[in-house]
Amino acid sequence: MSRLLALFAIWLACTAAAPVKLITDISQSRIDIIYTFKGAELLVFGAIQYANGQVPDEPPGLAVVMRGPAEPVTVRKKARVAGIWVNTRSARFESAPGFYAVATSKPIAKLVDQRTATIWEIGVDSLQLSPTGNATPAETEEFEHGLIDLRRRNGLFAEHEGAVGISQNILYRARIAIPSSVPVGSYTAQIFLIKNGEVIAQSTSPVEIDKSGFERWVFVAAHNHSLAYGLAAVAAALLAGWGAGLIVRRN
């Protein structure tokens, strides 16, 4: 009997010390891009498992980040020289995500401090783009803002503050819009549970975005057989031009 009581006491201690956990799922782990693809919407949802089942009275802080794939990007700035617009300066970033979207339960500034936002890259302005080259800090910042602004306008960078819904301080959900111009590759949906400005739990779910059908065949041919693909494209263009000219002459 004493041994059972001791084991029960140990179980209670372990349960009380158990960390908070996030249980997460997504509406789809793969998004196929076909010729009719006009974008998609990804639903991220789950539950918060509290230690000892003690649900707090105040709503938790949550951030849902979807990103990927990272790749080197060169940003160029044009200037008018002798009446002609030419590239005059450039900056290279080694790890710019092709897509980045964040949804939060409250404004980012009220959710985390700048240090935490930078560590976990919560927010577009906290992205670590890894600039290279001899540009000054002021020039690097200028090019960073240019890259971020361009991708915002193309729908590839987005922030949705207050877009994470929370029910009974346990269940959560967020919708992430995927634009039609999204690049193919491997993505991750990261969920952060935040308390007093610090991340206390996180979970990650992978998402694959790839071309399908004829678009997949063209994509693979262009990358794996670039010479043959180029020759075929030129031949198709010449054939189309010849056919159009023939129709015009007959009319």
Protein backbone atom coordinates (compact mmCIF):
# COMPACT_ATOMS: atom_id res chain seq x y z
CA MET A 1 0.00 0.00 0.00
CA SER A 2 2.79 2.40 0.87
CA ARG A 3 4.44 1.62 -2.44
CA LEU A 4 1.26 2.49 -4.33
CA LEU A 5 0.97 5.76 -2.44
CA ALA A 6 4.59 6.57 -3.29
CA LEU A 7 4.02 5.85 -6.98
CA PHE A 8 0.87 7.98 -6.93
CA ALA A 9 2.80 10.85 -5.34
CA ILE A 10 5.51 10.56 -8.01
CA TRP A 11 2.84 10.60 -10.76
CA LEU A 12 1.26 13.72 -9.28
CA ALA A 13 4.64 15.45 -9.14
CA CYS A 14 5.42 14.56 -12.74
CA THR A 15 1.99 15.72 -13.90
CA ALA A 16 2.34 19.03 -12.09
CA ALA A 17 5.78 19.56 -13.61
CA ALA A 18 4.66 18.62 -17.13
CA PRO A 19 5.11 21.50 -19.56
CA VAL A 20 2.31 23.12 -21.51
CA LYS A 21 1.88 21.45 -24.92
CA LEU A 22 0.37 22.47 -28.23
CA ILE A 23 -1.64 19.93 -30.20
CA THR A 24 -1.84 21.10 -33.80
CA ASP A 25 -3.36 19.95 -37.10
CA ILE A 26 -3.79 21.56 -40.52
CA SER A 27 -6.56 21.31 -43.10
CA GLN A 28 -4.19 19.95 -45.74
CA SER A 29 -0.53 18.96 -45.72
CA ARG A 30 -0.18 19.28 -49.50
CA ILE A 31 -1.37 21.94 -51.92
CA ASP A 32 -1.31 21.10 -55.64
CA ILE A 33 -0.84 23.86 -58.20
CA ILE A 34 -2.64 23.24 -61.48
CA TYR A 35 -3.52 25.54 -64.36
CA THR A 36 -6.72 26.68 -62.62
CA PHE A 37 -4.97 27.42 -59.32
CA LYS A 38 -6.09 30.81 -57.98
CA GLY A 39 -4.73 30.48 -54.48
CA ALA A 40 -5.79 28.50 -51.43
CA GLU A 41 -6.59 28.88 -47.76
CA LEU A 42 -4.88 26.83 -45.09
CA LEU A 43 -6.63 26.26 -41.78
CA VAL A 44 -4.34 25.74 -38.78
CA PHE A 45 -6.14 24.55 -35.66
CA GLY A 46 -5.54 22.70 -32.42
CA ALA A 47 -5.68 22.76 -28.66
CA ILE A 48 -3.54 23.82 -25.72
CA GLN A 49 -2.82 21.09 -23.20
CA TYR A 50 -2.16 22.74 -19.86
CA ALA A 51 -0.18 21.22 -17.04
CA ASN A 52 -2.54 19.50 -14.58
CA GLY A 53 -5.45 20.59 -16.76
CA GLN A 54 -5.49 24.04 -15.17
CA VAL A 55 -6.89 26.45 -17.77
CA PRO A 56 -5.92 30.09 -17.12
CA ASP A 57 -8.55 32.78 -16.81
CA GLU A 58 -6.83 35.07 -19.32
CA PRO A 59 -6.70 34.21 -23.04
CA PRO A 60 -3.29 32.85 -24.09
CA GLY A 61 -1.05 34.59 -26.61
CA LEU A 62 -0.66 32.71 -29.89
CA ALA A 63 1.24 33.29 -33.12
CA VAL A 64 0.90 31.13 -36.23
CA VAL A 65 3.74 31.48 -38.75
CA MET A 66 3.87 29.86 -42.18
CA ARG A 67 7.02 30.20 -44.21
CA GLY A 68 9.18 28.71 -46.92
CA PRO A 69 11.14 27.99 -48.99
CA ALA A 70 14.21 30.16 -48.25
CA GLU A 71 16.54 31.06 -51.10
CA PRO A 72 19.19 33.66 -52.02
CA VAL A 73 17.77 36.87 -53.49
CA THR A 74 19.55 39.81 -55.12
CA VAL A 75 17.76 43.16 -54.89
CA ARG A 76 18.76 45.87 -57.37
CA LYS A 77 18.08 49.57 -57.40
CA LYS A 78 17.67 51.48 -60.63
CA ALA A 79 18.67 55.07 -61.29
CA ARG A 80 18.44 57.35 -64.28
CA VAL A 81 21.87 57.76 -65.90
CA ALA A 82 22.20 59.88 -69.06
CA GLY A 83 18.46 59.53 -69.65
CA ILE A 84 18.51 55.72 -69.31
CA TRP A 85 17.31 53.65 -66.36
CA VAL A 86 20.08 51.28 -65.30
CA ASN A 87 20.88 49.15 -62.25
CA THR A 88 23.28 51.13 -60.09
CA ARG A 89 23.35 49.33 -56.72
CA SER A 90 22.42 45.91 -55.41
CA ALA A 91 22.33 43.84 -52.23
CA ARG A 92 22.18 40.10 -51.77
CA PHE A 93 20.24 38.24 -49.08
CA GLU A 94 21.05 34.59 -48.48
CA SER A 95 17.91 33.37 -46.70
CA ALA A 96 14.85 35.27 -47.87
CA PRO A 97 11.69 33.15 -47.56
CA GLY A 98 9.67 32.85 -50.74
CA PHE A 99 6.53 33.15 -48.62
CA TYR A 100 5.95 34.37 -45.07
CA ALA A 101 2.66 34.92 -43.28
CA VAL A 102 1.95 35.39 -39.58
CA ALA A 103 -1.37 35.43 -37.76
CA THR A 104 -1.53 36.42 -34.10
CA SER A 105 -4.11 36.58 -31.32
CA LYS A 106 -3.23 40.21 -30.58
CA PRO A 107 -0.93 42.90 -32.06
CA ILE A 108 2.65 41.62 -32.30
CA ALA A 109 4.01 44.53 -30.28
CA LYS A 110 1.72 43.56 -27.39
CA LEU A 111 2.43 39.87 -27.76
CA VAL A 112 6.26 39.76 -27.69
CA ASP A 113 9.15 42.13 -27.15
CA GLN A 114 11.65 42.86 -29.91
CA ARG A 115 14.17 40.32 -28.62
CA THR A 116 11.68 37.44 -28.64
CA ALA A 117 10.29 38.52 -32.01
CA THR A 118 13.79 38.48 -33.50
CA ILE A 119 14.74 35.10 -32.00
CA TRP A 120 11.63 33.36 -33.32
CA GLU A 121 11.16 35.62 -36.38
CA ILE A 122 7.62 36.59 -35.42
CA GLY A 123 6.67 39.43 -37.74
CA VAL A 124 7.90 40.51 -41.16
CA ASP A 125 10.21 43.15 -39.70
CA SER A 126 11.90 40.49 -37.54
CA LEU A 127 12.93 38.24 -40.44
CA GLN A 128 16.63 37.36 -40.54
CA LEU A 129 17.42 37.77 -44.23
CA SER A 130 21.22 37.27 -43.84
CA PRO A 131 22.54 40.16 -45.99
CA THR A 132 25.96 39.78 -47.59
CA GLY A 133 28.32 42.17 -49.37
CA ASN A 134 29.93 45.49 -48.57
CA ALA A 135 26.80 47.58 -48.22
CA THR A 136 26.58 49.93 -45.25
CA PRO A 137 23.93 49.24 -42.55
CA ALA A 138 21.84 52.10 -43.91
CA GLU A 139 22.00 50.69 -47.46
CA THR A 140 21.22 47.18 -46.23
CA GLU A 141 18.16 48.47 -44.37
CA GLU A 142 17.02 50.31 -47.49
CA PHE A 143 17.24 47.16 -49.61
CA GLU A 144 15.54 45.07 -46.89
CA HIS A 145 12.60 47.47 -46.87
CA GLY A 146 12.49 47.33 -50.67
CA LEU A 147 12.40 43.53 -50.70
CA ILE A 148 9.76 43.36 -47.98
CA ASP A 149 7.59 46.00 -49.67
CA LEU A 150 7.78 44.18 -53.02
CA ARG A 151 6.76 40.86 -51.51
CA ARG A 152 4.00 42.49 -49.50
CA ARG A 153 2.52 43.95 -52.68
CA ASN A 154 2.70 40.51 -54.35
CA GLY A 155 0.93 38.89 -51.40
CA LEU A 156 3.98 36.81 -50.46
CA PHE A 157 4.60 38.56 -47.12
CA ALA A 158 1.63 39.20 -44.85
CA GLU A 159 0.72 39.94 -41.23
CA HIS A 160 -2.73 39.32 -39.77
CA GLU A 161 -2.83 40.67 -36.24
CA GLY A 162 -5.79 39.51 -34.18
CA ALA A 163 -6.61 36.75 -36.70
CA VAL A 164 -6.09 33.78 -34.35
CA GLY A 165 -9.39 32.74 -32.82
CA ILE A 166 -9.38 31.19 -29.34
CA SER A 167 -12.27 29.30 -27.72
CA GLN A 168 -12.48 28.70 -23.96
CA ASN A 169 -8.74 29.52 -23.76
CA ILE A 170 -8.07 26.00 -25.09
CA LEU A 171 -8.98 25.65 -28.76
CA TYR A 172 -7.38 27.85 -31.41
CA ARG A 173 -7.65 28.33 -35.15
CA ALA A 174 -6.18 30.57 -37.83
CA ARG A 175 -6.59 30.84 -41.59
CA ILE A 176 -3.58 31.55 -43.82
CA ALA A 177 -4.23 32.77 -47.36
CA ILE A 178 -1.96 31.21 -50.01
CA PRO A 179 -1.67 33.42 -53.15
CA SER A 180 -1.55 32.00 -56.66
CA SER A 181 2.02 33.31 -57.08
CA VAL A 182 3.37 31.23 -54.18
CA PRO A 183 6.61 29.36 -55.02
CA VAL A 184 6.71 25.57 -54.89
CA GLY A 185 8.67 23.84 -52.15
CA SER A 186 8.57 22.66 -48.55
CA TYR A 187 6.83 24.90 -46.01
CA THR A 188 6.37 24.83 -42.26
CA ALA A 189 3.47 26.03 -40.15
CA GLN A 190 4.83 27.01 -36.72
CA ILE A 191 2.58 27.72 -33.75
CA PHE A 192 3.94 29.62 -30.74
CA LEU A 193 2.29 29.80 -27.33
CA ILE A 194 3.40 33.01 -25.62
CA LYS A 195 3.18 34.13 -22.01
CA ASN A 196 4.57 37.37 -20.59
CA GLY A 197 6.35 38.04 -23.87
CA GLU A 198 8.17 34.67 -23.91
CA VAL A 199 7.57 31.55 -26.02
CA ILE A 200 6.64 28.74 -23.61
CA ALA A 201 5.57 26.08 -26.14
CA GLN A 202 5.63 25.51 -29.87
CA SER A 203 4.68 22.97 -32.50
CA THR A 204 5.47 22.54 -36.20
CA SER A 205 3.53 21.00 -39.08
CA PRO A 206 5.03 20.51 -42.56
CA VAL A 207 3.22 21.61 -45.72
CA GLU A 208 4.21 20.74 -49.28
CA ILE A 209 3.27 23.01 -52.19
CA ASP A 210 4.03 21.56 -55.62
CA LYS A 211 2.88 21.65 -59.21
CA SER A 212 0.62 18.90 -60.50
CA GLY A 213 -0.45 17.56 -63.88
CA PHE A 214 0.76 19.35 -67.01
CA GLU A 215 2.26 22.20 -64.97
CA ARG A 216 4.38 19.63 -63.10
CA TRP A 217 5.61 18.12 -66.37
CA VAL A 218 6.58 21.55 -67.75
CA PHE A 219 8.31 22.51 -64.47
CA VAL A 220 10.37 19.30 -64.35
CA ALA A 221 11.26 19.53 -68.06
CA ALA A 222 12.42 23.14 -67.71
CA HIS A 223 14.67 22.31 -64.74
CA ASN A 224 16.00 18.87 -65.66
CA HIS A 225 16.21 19.23 -69.45
CA SER A 226 16.70 22.95 -69.93
CA LEU A 227 18.32 22.76 -73.39
CA ALA A 228 15.67 20.48 -74.87
CA TYR A 229 12.93 22.53 -73.21
CA GLY A 230 14.37 25.76 -74.65
CA LEU A 231 14.61 24.31 -78.16
CA ALA A 232 11.06 22.96 -77.92
CA ALA A 233 9.76 26.34 -76.75
CA VAL A 234 11.48 28.12 -79.65
CA ALA A 235 10.14 25.56 -82.11
CA ALA A 236 6.62 25.92 -80.72
CA ALA A 237 6.84 29.72 -81.00
CA LEU A 238 8.03 29.50 -84.62
CA LEU A 239 5.29 27.02 -85.48
CA ALA A 240 2.66 29.23 -83.89
CA GLY A 241 3.95 32.27 -85.80
CA TRP A 242 3.98 30.36 -89.08
CA GLY A 243 0.43 29.11 -88.49
CA ALA A 244 -0.83 32.60 -87.65
CA GLY A 245 0.81 34.02 -90.78
CA LEU A 246 -0.73 31.29 -92.91
CA ILE A 247 -4.21 32.05 -91.56
CA VAL A 248 -3.76 35.79 -92.22
CA ARG A 249 -2.66 35.20 -95.84
CA ARG A 250 -5.64 32.95 -96.51
CA ASN A 251 -8.02 35.58 -95.20
